[in-house]
């Protein structure tokens, strides 16, 4: 019986192991670095296109108009005594009413 019986006599194939390690590193680099950067670049391009489609002055004017409507008190019907009120005031009134019970 030989003294090396039961042992694997083959040597490690270092080029194959290095190729596998490099392949895994490239895969993780692609998944966690390159792909997110590519998606972000595409998202940024779409934002730029949207900004070009809607001029800033028009958007600012629209937002100002919406803000004025949503933050003012206004009669809906004086005869029925109903009013429009800002949403934050309405939520506070509901909460105060709830705590009153």
C-alpha atoms as a PDB file:
ATOM      1  CA  UNK A   1       0.000   0.000   0.000  1.00  0.00           C
ATOM      2  CA  UNK A   2       1.281   3.390  -0.862  1.00  0.00           C
ATOM      3  CA  UNK A   3       1.707   6.134   1.713  1.00  0.00           C
ATOM      4  CA  UNK A   4      -0.418   8.578  -0.317  1.00  0.00           C
ATOM      5  CA  UNK A   5      -3.450   6.348  -0.637  1.00  0.00           C
ATOM      6  CA  UNK A   6      -6.692   8.174   0.127  1.00  0.00           C
ATOM      7  CA  UNK A   7      -5.334  11.630  -0.695  1.00  0.00           C
ATOM      8  CA  UNK A   8      -6.125  13.782  -3.729  1.00  0.00           C
ATOM      9  CA  UNK A   9      -2.954  14.026  -5.757  1.00  0.00           C
ATOM     10  CA  UNK A  10      -4.181  16.731  -8.129  1.00  0.00           C
ATOM     11  CA  UNK A  11      -2.961  20.274  -7.751  1.00  0.00           C
ATOM     12  CA  UNK A  12      -5.235  23.278  -7.611  1.00  0.00           C
ATOM     13  CA  UNK A  13      -5.766  24.816 -11.005  1.00  0.00           C
ATOM     14  CA  UNK A  14      -4.963  28.447 -10.113  1.00  0.00           C
ATOM     15  CA  UNK A  15      -5.804  29.979 -13.524  1.00  0.00           C
ATOM     16  CA  UNK A  16      -9.302  28.482 -13.359  1.00  0.00           C
ATOM     17  CA  UNK A  17      -9.789  29.652  -9.769  1.00  0.00           C
ATOM     18  CA  UNK A  18      -8.635  33.181 -10.665  1.00  0.00           C
ATOM     19  CA  UNK A  19     -10.951  33.238 -13.681  1.00  0.00           C
ATOM     20  CA  UNK A  20     -13.883  32.279 -11.442  1.00  0.00           C
ATOM     21  CA  UNK A  21     -12.977  34.931  -8.834  1.00  0.00           C
ATOM     22  CA  UNK A  22     -12.590  37.608 -11.513  1.00  0.00           C
ATOM     23  CA  UNK A  23     -15.889  36.532 -13.098  1.00  0.00           C
ATOM     24  CA  UNK A  24     -17.692  36.844  -9.759  1.00  0.00           C
ATOM     25  CA  UNK A  25     -16.104  40.271  -9.155  1.00  0.00           C
ATOM     26  CA  UNK A  26     -17.162  41.474 -12.607  1.00  0.00           C
ATOM     27  CA  UNK A  27     -20.695  40.168 -12.044  1.00  0.00           C
ATOM     28  CA  UNK A  28     -21.051  42.005  -8.716  1.00  0.00           C
ATOM     29  CA  UNK A  29     -19.551  45.165 -10.190  1.00  0.00           C
ATOM     30  CA  UNK A  30     -22.086  45.037 -13.007  1.00  0.00           C
ATOM     31  CA  UNK A  31     -25.035  44.372 -10.743  1.00  0.00           C
ATOM     32  CA  UNK A  32     -24.244  46.795  -7.937  1.00  0.00           C
ATOM     33  CA  UNK A  33     -22.334  49.568  -9.713  1.00  0.00           C
ATOM     34  CA  UNK A  34     -22.827  49.717 -13.468  1.00  0.00           C
ATOM     35  CA  UNK A  35     -26.532  48.858 -13.676  1.00  0.00           C
ATOM     36  CA  UNK A  36     -27.650  51.443 -11.049  1.00  0.00           C
ATOM     37  CA  UNK A  37     -25.524  54.112 -12.738  1.00  0.00           C
ATOM     38  CA  UNK A  38     -27.117  53.292 -16.101  1.00  0.00           C
ATOM     39  CA  UNK A  39     -30.630  53.471 -14.653  1.00  0.00           C
ATOM     40  CA  UNK A  40     -29.860  56.782 -12.908  1.00  0.00           C
ATOM     41  CA  UNK A  41     -28.523  58.245 -16.146  1.00  0.00           C
ATOM     42  CA  UNK A  42     -31.721  57.244 -17.947  1.00  0.00           C
ATOM     43  CA  UNK A  43     -33.855  58.709 -15.162  1.00  0.00           C
ATOM     44  CA  UNK A  44     -31.902  61.974 -15.298  1.00  0.00           C
ATOM     45  CA  UNK A  45     -32.453  62.184 -19.059  1.00  0.00           C
ATOM     46  CA  UNK A  46     -36.212  61.765 -18.590  1.00  0.00           C
ATOM     47  CA  UNK A  47     -36.228  64.526 -15.964  1.00  0.00           C
ATOM     48  CA  UNK A  48     -34.394  66.836 -18.334  1.00  0.00           C
ATOM     49  CA  UNK A  49     -36.943  66.091 -21.060  1.00  0.00           C
ATOM     50  CA  UNK A  50     -39.840  66.799 -18.688  1.00  0.00           C
ATOM     51  CA  UNK A  51     -38.291  70.082 -17.593  1.00  0.00           C
ATOM     52  CA  UNK A  52     -37.933  71.121 -21.232  1.00  0.00           C
ATOM     53  CA  UNK A  53     -41.564  70.272 -21.929  1.00  0.00           C
ATOM     54  CA  UNK A  54     -42.971  72.414 -19.107  1.00  0.00           C
ATOM     55  CA  UNK A  55     -41.556  75.920 -18.838  1.00  0.00           C
ATOM     56  CA  UNK A  56     -40.592  76.974 -15.329  1.00  0.00           C
ATOM     57  CA  UNK A  57     -42.666  80.170 -15.324  1.00  0.00           C
ATOM     58  CA  UNK A  58     -45.853  78.292 -16.136  1.00  0.00           C
ATOM     59  CA  UNK A  59     -45.126  75.660 -13.517  1.00  0.00           C
ATOM     60  CA  UNK A  60     -44.347  78.284 -10.874  1.00  0.00           C
ATOM     61  CA  UNK A  61     -47.543  80.161 -11.695  1.00  0.00           C
ATOM     62  CA  UNK A  62     -49.575  76.954 -11.489  1.00  0.00           C
ATOM     63  CA  UNK A  63     -48.072  76.027  -8.125  1.00  0.00           C
ATOM     64  CA  UNK A  64     -48.684  79.534  -6.767  1.00  0.00           C
ATOM     65  CA  UNK A  65     -52.304  79.403  -7.902  1.00  0.00           C
ATOM     66  CA  UNK A  66     -52.789  75.956  -6.321  1.00  0.00           C
ATOM     67  CA  UNK A  67     -51.185  77.117  -3.096  1.00  0.00           C
ATOM     68  CA  UNK A  68     -53.481  80.134  -2.897  1.00  0.00           C
ATOM     69  CA  UNK A  69     -56.562  77.997  -3.456  1.00  0.00           C
ATOM     70  CA  UNK A  70     -55.532  75.352  -0.928  1.00  0.00           C
ATOM     71  CA  UNK A  71     -54.585  77.771   1.860  1.00  0.00           C
ATOM     72  CA  UNK A  72     -57.456  80.255   1.885  1.00  0.00           C
ATOM     73  CA  UNK A  73     -60.777  80.369   3.650  1.00  0.00           C
ATOM     74  CA  UNK A  74     -63.689  80.942   1.308  1.00  0.00           C
ATOM     75  CA  UNK A  75     -67.463  80.725   1.420  1.00  0.00           C
ATOM     76  CA  UNK A  76     -68.887  77.813  -0.541  1.00  0.00           C
ATOM     77  CA  UNK A  77     -72.433  78.863   0.253  1.00  0.00           C
ATOM     78  CA  UNK A  78     -73.336  81.623   2.702  1.00  0.00           C
ATOM     79  CA  UNK A  79     -76.971  80.514   2.683  1.00  0.00           C
ATOM     80  CA  UNK A  80     -76.024  76.997   3.821  1.00  0.00           C
ATOM     81  CA  UNK A  81     -73.177  78.337   6.003  1.00  0.00           C
ATOM     82  CA  UNK A  82     -70.582  76.094   4.350  1.00  0.00           C
ATOM     83  CA  UNK A  83     -66.995  77.142   3.764  1.00  0.00           C
ATOM     84  CA  UNK A  84     -63.824  75.915   2.125  1.00  0.00           C
ATOM     85  CA  UNK A  85     -60.977  75.677   4.625  1.00  0.00           C
ATOM     86  CA  UNK A  86     -57.335  74.610   4.281  1.00  0.00           C
ATOM     87  CA  UNK A  87     -56.768  70.878   4.721  1.00  0.00           C
ATOM     88  CA  UNK A  88     -54.416  71.284   7.693  1.00  0.00           C
ATOM     89  CA  UNK A  89     -57.026  73.350   9.532  1.00  0.00           C
ATOM     90  CA  UNK A  90     -59.678  70.750   8.693  1.00  0.00           C
ATOM     91  CA  UNK A  91     -57.486  67.912   9.990  1.00  0.00           C
ATOM     92  CA  UNK A  92     -56.790  69.805  13.223  1.00  0.00           C
ATOM     93  CA  UNK A  93     -60.529  70.409  13.682  1.00  0.00           C
ATOM     94  CA  UNK A  94     -61.291  66.711  13.179  1.00  0.00           C
ATOM     95  CA  UNK A  95     -58.588  65.718  15.655  1.00  0.00           C
ATOM     96  CA  UNK A  96     -59.810  68.259  18.214  1.00  0.00           C
ATOM     97  CA  UNK A  97     -63.372  67.008  17.726  1.00  0.00           C
ATOM     98  CA  UNK A  98     -62.189  63.397  18.148  1.00  0.00           C
ATOM     99  CA  UNK A  99     -60.353  64.217  21.378  1.00  0.00           C
ATOM    100  CA  UNK A 100     -63.507  65.913  22.673  1.00  0.00           C
ATOM    101  CA  UNK A 101     -65.345  62.583  22.915  1.00  0.00           C
END
